[in-house]
Amino acid sequence: MVEREQIRGVHIDLVQAADDKLGVSVVFRSYPWKRAMIMLQRGEADANTYMGKTPEREQYGVFV
């Protein structure tokens, strides 16, 4: 969700916690769902904070 122009939520908190432990820098940006999926397919985005696993998405996403 967006609150006071900042993206917030459980997924954001989890990614930030991992960011702190791994020492990497994460930038959050909000896009419409369909555009975000296309960006992942094209390599224009590195990750999505939540994406359900489907055979189609397994072609461009990594699920752990």
PDB file of N, CA and C in Angstrom:
ATOM      1  N   MET A   1       0.834  -1.172   0.000  1.00  0.00           N
ATOM      2  CA  MET A   1       0.000   0.000   0.000  1.00  0.00           C
ATOM      3  C   MET A   1       0.883   1.240   0.000  1.00  0.00           C
ATOM      4  N   VAL A   2       0.321   2.330  -0.411  1.00  0.00           N
ATOM      5  CA  VAL A   2       1.053   3.595  -0.414  1.00  0.00           C
ATOM      6  C   VAL A   2       0.474   4.464   0.699  1.00  0.00           C
ATOM      7  N   GLU A   3       1.348   4.919   1.564  1.00  0.00           N
ATOM      8  CA  GLU A   3       0.952   5.748   2.695  1.00  0.00           C
ATOM      9  C   GLU A   3       1.882   6.946   2.760  1.00  0.00           C
ATOM     10  N   ARG A   4       1.331   8.126   2.667  1.00  0.00           N
ATOM     11  CA  ARG A   4       2.133   9.363   2.665  1.00  0.00           C
ATOM     12  C   ARG A   4       3.243   9.293   1.623  1.00  0.00           C
ATOM     13  N   GLU A   5       2.867   8.836   0.446  1.00  0.00           N
ATOM     14  CA  GLU A   5       3.768   8.735  -0.709  1.00  0.00           C
ATOM     15  C   GLU A   5       4.904   7.748  -0.517  1.00  0.00           C
ATOM     16  N   GLN A   6       4.796   6.839   0.459  1.00  0.00           N
ATOM     17  CA  GLN A   6       5.789   5.793   0.666  1.00  0.00           C
ATOM     18  C   GLN A   6       5.110   4.438   0.565  1.00  0.00           C
ATOM     19  N   ILE A   7       5.792   3.489  -0.077  1.00  0.00           N
ATOM     20  CA  ILE A   7       5.272   2.145  -0.204  1.00  0.00           C
ATOM     21  C   ILE A   7       5.511   1.429   1.120  1.00  0.00           C
ATOM     22  N   ARG A   8       4.461   0.821   1.664  1.00  0.00           N
ATOM     23  CA  ARG A   8       4.542   0.150   2.964  1.00  0.00           C
ATOM     24  C   ARG A   8       3.823  -1.191   2.904  1.00  0.00           C
ATOM     25  N   GLY A   9       4.153  -2.058   3.837  1.00  0.00           N
ATOM     26  CA  GLY A   9       3.451  -3.320   3.943  1.00  0.00           C
ATOM     27  C   GLY A   9       4.379  -4.443   4.377  1.00  0.00           C
ATOM     28  N   VAL A  10       3.784  -5.607   4.594  1.00  0.00           N
ATOM     29  CA  VAL A  10       4.531  -6.758   5.085  1.00  0.00           C
ATOM     30  C   VAL A  10       5.641  -7.156   4.119  1.00  0.00           C
ATOM     31  N   HIS A  11       5.343  -7.209   2.827  1.00  0.00           N
ATOM     32  CA  HIS A  11       6.366  -7.607   1.855  1.00  0.00           C
ATOM     33  C   HIS A  11       7.526  -6.614   1.838  1.00  0.00           C
ATOM     34  N   ILE A  12       7.203  -5.349   1.958  1.00  0.00           N
ATOM     35  CA  ILE A  12       8.247  -4.318   1.983  1.00  0.00           C
ATOM     36  C   ILE A  12       9.120  -4.508   3.223  1.00  0.00           C
ATOM     37  N   ASP A  13       8.494  -4.756   4.368  1.00  0.00           N
ATOM     38  CA  ASP A  13       9.249  -4.968   5.611  1.00  0.00           C
ATOM     39  C   ASP A  13      10.180  -6.180   5.489  1.00  0.00           C
ATOM     40  N   LEU A  14       9.682  -7.262   4.892  1.00  0.00           N
ATOM     41  CA  LEU A  14      10.503  -8.466   4.725  1.00  0.00           C
ATOM     42  C   LEU A  14      11.697  -8.213   3.809  1.00  0.00           C
ATOM     43  N   VAL A  15      11.457  -7.515   2.721  1.00  0.00           N
ATOM     44  CA  VAL A  15      12.552  -7.226   1.787  1.00  0.00           C
ATOM     45  C   VAL A  15      13.572  -6.305   2.445  1.00  0.00           C
ATOM     46  N   GLN A  16      13.102  -5.329   3.195  1.00  0.00           N
ATOM     47  CA  GLN A  16      14.035  -4.425   3.880  1.00  0.00           C
ATOM     48  C   GLN A  16      14.865  -5.175   4.926  1.00  0.00           C
ATOM     49  N   ALA A  17      14.267  -6.137   5.609  1.00  0.00           N
ATOM     50  CA  ALA A  17      15.020  -6.930   6.582  1.00  0.00           C
ATOM     51  C   ALA A  17      16.104  -7.746   5.880  1.00  0.00           C
ATOM     52  N   ALA A  18      15.763  -8.335   4.744  1.00  0.00           N
ATOM     53  CA  ALA A  18      16.759  -9.088   3.969  1.00  0.00           C
ATOM     54  C   ALA A  18      17.836  -8.148   3.451  1.00  0.00           C
ATOM     55  N   ASP A  19      17.432  -6.979   3.004  1.00  0.00           N
ATOM     56  CA  ASP A  19      18.361  -5.956   2.521  1.00  0.00           C
ATOM     57  C   ASP A  19      19.391  -5.637   3.600  1.00  0.00           C
ATOM     58  N   ASP A  20      18.931  -5.451   4.814  1.00  0.00           N
ATOM     59  CA  ASP A  20      19.835  -5.131   5.925  1.00  0.00           C
ATOM     60  C   ASP A  20      20.832  -6.265   6.185  1.00  0.00           C
ATOM     61  N   LYS A  21      20.346  -7.497   6.162  1.00  0.00           N
ATOM     62  CA  LYS A  21      21.230  -8.646   6.434  1.00  0.00           C
ATOM     63  C   LYS A  21      22.226  -8.888   5.312  1.00  0.00           C
ATOM     64  N   LEU A  22      21.794  -8.669   4.065  1.00  0.00           N
ATOM     65  CA  LEU A  22      22.658  -8.947   2.913  1.00  0.00           C
ATOM     66  C   LEU A  22      23.551  -7.773   2.543  1.00  0.00           C
ATOM     67  N   GLY A  23      23.212  -6.598   3.041  1.00  0.00           N
ATOM     68  CA  GLY A  23      24.012  -5.422   2.723  1.00  0.00           C
ATOM     69  C   GLY A  23      23.838  -4.944   1.299  1.00  0.00           C
ATOM     70  N   VAL A  24      22.656  -5.146   0.739  1.00  0.00           N
ATOM     71  CA  VAL A  24      22.374  -4.659  -0.610  1.00  0.00           C
ATOM     72  C   VAL A  24      21.453  -3.451  -0.527  1.00  0.00           C
ATOM     73  N   SER A  25      21.356  -2.743  -1.623  1.00  0.00           N
ATOM     74  CA  SER A  25      20.501  -1.563  -1.676  1.00  0.00           C
ATOM     75  C   SER A  25      19.268  -1.880  -2.518  1.00  0.00           C
ATOM     76  N   VAL A  26      18.107  -1.613  -1.962  1.00  0.00           N
ATOM     77  CA  VAL A  26      16.851  -1.896  -2.649  1.00  0.00           C
ATOM     78  C   VAL A  26      16.091  -0.594  -2.843  1.00  0.00           C
ATOM     79  N   VAL A  27      15.560  -0.409  -4.045  1.00  0.00           N
ATOM     80  CA  VAL A  27      14.720   0.738  -4.353  1.00  0.00           C
ATOM     81  C   VAL A  27      13.339   0.195  -4.701  1.00  0.00           C
ATOM     82  N   PHE A  28      12.314   0.681  -4.018  1.00  0.00           N
ATOM     83  CA  PHE A  28      10.950   0.234  -4.268  1.00  0.00           C
ATOM     84  C   PHE A  28      10.249   1.212  -5.189  1.00  0.00           C
ATOM     85  N   ARG A  29       9.586   0.660  -6.182  1.00  0.00           N
ATOM     86  CA  ARG A  29       8.774   1.457  -7.098  1.00  0.00           C
ATOM     87  C   ARG A  29       7.457   0.736  -7.314  1.00  0.00           C
ATOM     88  N   SER A  30       6.402   1.480  -7.422  1.00  0.00           N
ATOM     89  CA  SER A  30       5.080   0.896  -7.596  1.00  0.00           C
ATOM     90  C   SER A  30       4.623   1.061  -9.046  1.00  0.00           C
ATOM     91  N   TYR A  31       4.197  -0.055  -9.650  1.00  0.00           N
ATOM     92  CA  TYR A  31       3.700  -0.045 -11.021  1.00  0.00           C
ATOM     93  C   TYR A  31       2.408  -0.838 -11.083  1.00  0.00           C
ATOM     94  N   PRO A  32       1.577  -0.581 -12.074  1.00  0.00           N
ATOM     95  CA  PRO A  32       0.417  -1.447 -12.286  1.00  0.00           C
ATOM     96  C   PRO A  32       0.899  -2.882 -12.509  1.00  0.00           C
ATOM     97  N   TRP A  33       0.133  -3.862 -12.018  1.00  0.00           N
ATOM     98  CA  TRP A  33       0.543  -5.262 -12.031  1.00  0.00           C
ATOM     99  C   TRP A  33       0.997  -5.747 -13.406  1.00  0.00           C
ATOM    100  N   LYS A  34       0.198  -5.517 -14.417  1.00  0.00           N
ATOM    101  CA  LYS A  34       0.533  -6.019 -15.759  1.00  0.00           C
ATOM    102  C   LYS A  34       1.858  -5.426 -16.249  1.00  0.00           C
ATOM    103  N   ARG A  35       2.072  -4.151 -16.031  1.00  0.00           N
ATOM    104  CA  ARG A  35       3.324  -3.510 -16.431  1.00  0.00           C
ATOM    105  C   ARG A  35       4.507  -4.097 -15.668  1.00  0.00           C
ATOM    106  N   ALA A  36       4.324  -4.358 -14.375  1.00  0.00           N
ATOM    107  CA  ALA A  36       5.398  -4.941 -13.561  1.00  0.00           C
ATOM    108  C   ALA A  36       5.794  -6.316 -14.097  1.00  0.00           C
ATOM    109  N   MET A  37       4.815  -7.120 -14.502  1.00  0.00           N
ATOM    110  CA  MET A  37       5.108  -8.448 -15.051  1.00  0.00           C
ATOM    111  C   MET A  37       5.879  -8.340 -16.373  1.00  0.00           C
ATOM    112  N   ILE A  38       5.494  -7.407 -17.206  1.00  0.00           N
ATOM    113  CA  ILE A  38       6.190  -7.195 -18.481  1.00  0.00           C
ATOM    114  C   ILE A  38       7.618  -6.719 -18.222  1.00  0.00           C
ATOM    115  N   MET A  39       7.800  -5.834 -17.242  1.00  0.00           N
ATOM    116  CA  MET A  39       9.138  -5.344 -16.902  1.00  0.00           C
ATOM    117  C   MET A  39      10.025  -6.490 -16.444  1.00  0.00           C
ATOM    118  N   LEU A  40       9.491  -7.412 -15.649  1.00  0.00           N
ATOM    119  CA  LEU A  40      10.272  -8.572 -15.221  1.00  0.00           C
ATOM    120  C   LEU A  40      10.655  -9.442 -16.413  1.00  0.00           C
ATOM    121  N   GLN A  41       9.707  -9.682 -17.295  1.00  0.00           N
ATOM    122  CA  GLN A  41       9.970 -10.498 -18.485  1.00  0.00           C
ATOM    123  C   GLN A  41      11.078  -9.898 -19.340  1.00  0.00           C
ATOM    124  N   ARG A  42      11.086  -8.597 -19.468  1.00  0.00           N
ATOM    125  CA  ARG A  42      12.064  -7.910 -20.325  1.00  0.00           C
ATOM    126  C   ARG A  42      13.390  -7.652 -19.619  1.00  0.00           C
ATOM    127  N   GLY A  43      13.473  -7.959 -18.338  1.00  0.00           N
ATOM    128  CA  GLY A  43      14.692  -7.675 -17.585  1.00  0.00           C
ATOM    129  C   GLY A  43      14.816  -6.225 -17.168  1.00  0.00           C
ATOM    130  N   GLU A  44      13.705  -5.487 -17.186  1.00  0.00           N
ATOM    131  CA  GLU A  44      13.704  -4.075 -16.804  1.00  0.00           C
ATOM    132  C   GLU A  44      13.480  -3.885 -15.304  1.00  0.00           C
ATOM    133  N   ALA A  45      13.187  -4.975 -14.604  1.00  0.00           N
ATOM    134  CA  ALA A  45      13.013  -4.966 -13.151  1.00  0.00           C
ATOM    135  C   ALA A  45      13.719  -6.200 -12.609  1.00  0.00           C
ATOM    136  N   ASP A  46      14.232  -6.098 -11.414  1.00  0.00           N
ATOM    137  CA  ASP A  46      14.959  -7.210 -10.805  1.00  0.00           C
ATOM    138  C   ASP A  46      14.067  -8.123  -9.984  1.00  0.00           C
ATOM    139  N   ALA A  47      12.978  -7.589  -9.443  1.00  0.00           N
ATOM    140  CA  ALA A  47      12.159  -8.396  -8.551  1.00  0.00           C
ATOM    141  C   ALA A  47      10.765  -7.811  -8.407  1.00  0.00           C
ATOM    142  N   ASN A  48       9.895  -8.640  -7.865  1.00  0.00           N
ATOM    143  CA  ASN A  48       8.558  -8.239  -7.486  1.00  0.00           C
ATOM    144  C   ASN A  48       8.379  -8.728  -6.059  1.00  0.00           C
ATOM    145  N   THR A  49       7.812  -7.913  -5.175  1.00  0.00           N
ATOM    146  CA  THR A  49       7.721  -8.324  -3.775  1.00  0.00           C
ATOM    147  C   THR A  49       6.755  -9.472  -3.557  1.00  0.00           C
ATOM    148  N   TYR A  50       5.840  -9.695  -4.460  1.00  0.00           N
ATOM    149  CA  TYR A  50       4.967 -10.859  -4.350  1.00  0.00           C
ATOM    150  C   TYR A  50       4.472 -11.247  -5.734  1.00  0.00           C
ATOM    151  N   MET A  51       4.652 -12.518  -6.060  1.00  0.00           N
ATOM    152  CA  MET A  51       4.203 -13.004  -7.357  1.00  0.00           C
ATOM    153  C   MET A  51       3.879 -14.487  -7.200  1.00  0.00           C
ATOM    154  N   GLY A  52       2.651 -14.849  -7.477  1.00  0.00           N
ATOM    155  CA  GLY A  52       2.264 -16.249  -7.400  1.00  0.00           C
ATOM    156  C   GLY A  52       2.963 -17.074  -8.470  1.00  0.00           C
ATOM    157  N   LYS A  53       3.268 -18.314  -8.132  1.00  0.00           N
ATOM    158  CA  LYS A  53       4.006 -19.206  -9.040  1.00  0.00           C
ATOM    159  C   LYS A  53       3.058 -19.849 -10.045  1.00  0.00           C
ATOM    160  N   THR A  54       3.366 -19.658 -11.325  1.00  0.00           N
ATOM    161  CA  THR A  54       2.641 -20.319 -12.402  1.00  0.00           C
ATOM    162  C   THR A  54       3.679 -20.824 -13.402  1.00  0.00           C
ATOM    163  N   PRO A  55       3.331 -21.816 -14.221  1.00  0.00           N
ATOM    164  CA  PRO A  55       4.283 -22.298 -15.225  1.00  0.00           C
ATOM    165  C   PRO A  55       4.788 -21.165 -16.141  1.00  0.00           C
ATOM    166  N   GLU A  56       3.906 -20.249 -16.517  1.00  0.00           N
ATOM    167  CA  GLU A  56       4.321 -19.133 -17.384  1.00  0.00           C
ATOM    168  C   GLU A  56       5.341 -18.234 -16.681  1.00  0.00           C
ATOM    169  N   ARG A  57       5.080 -17.914 -15.426  1.00  0.00           N
ATOM    170  CA  ARG A  57       5.973 -17.031 -14.678  1.00  0.00           C
ATOM    171  C   ARG A  57       7.304 -17.690 -14.334  1.00  0.00           C
ATOM    172  N   GLU A  58       7.328 -18.999 -14.257  1.00  0.00           N
ATOM    173  CA  GLU A  58       8.576 -19.712 -13.981  1.00  0.00           C
ATOM    174  C   GLU A  58       9.595 -19.510 -15.119  1.00  0.00           C
ATOM    175  N   GLN A  59       9.133 -19.083 -16.287  1.00  0.00           N
ATOM    176  CA  GLN A  59      10.030 -18.843 -17.408  1.00  0.00           C
ATOM    177  C   GLN A  59      10.903 -17.612 -17.187  1.00  0.00           C
ATOM    178  N   TYR A  60      10.439 -16.667 -16.366  1.00  0.00           N
ATOM    179  CA  TYR A  60      11.220 -15.457 -16.134  1.00  0.00           C
ATOM    180  C   TYR A  60      11.392 -15.117 -14.650  1.00  0.00           C
ATOM    181  N   GLY A  61      10.762 -15.872 -13.775  1.00  0.00           N
ATOM    182  CA  GLY A  61      10.863 -15.608 -12.347  1.00  0.00           C
ATOM    183  C   GLY A  61      11.558 -16.730 -11.611  1.00  0.00           C
ATOM    184  N   VAL A  62      12.126 -16.401 -10.477  1.00  0.00           N
ATOM    185  CA  VAL A  62      12.772 -17.389  -9.615  1.00  0.00           C
ATOM    186  C   VAL A  62      11.938 -17.476  -8.347  1.00  0.00           C
ATOM    187  N   PHE A  63      11.513 -18.672  -8.021  1.00  0.00           N
ATOM    188  CA  PHE A  63      10.670 -18.880  -6.851  1.00  0.00           C
ATOM    189  C   PHE A  63      11.430 -19.746  -5.855  1.00  0.00           C
ATOM    190  N   VAL A  64      11.557 -19.283  -4.610  1.00  0.00           N
ATOM    191  CA  VAL A  64      12.251 -20.055  -3.581  1.00  0.00           C
ATOM    192  C   VAL A  64      11.334 -20.321  -2.404  1.00  0.00           C
TER     193      VAL A  64
END
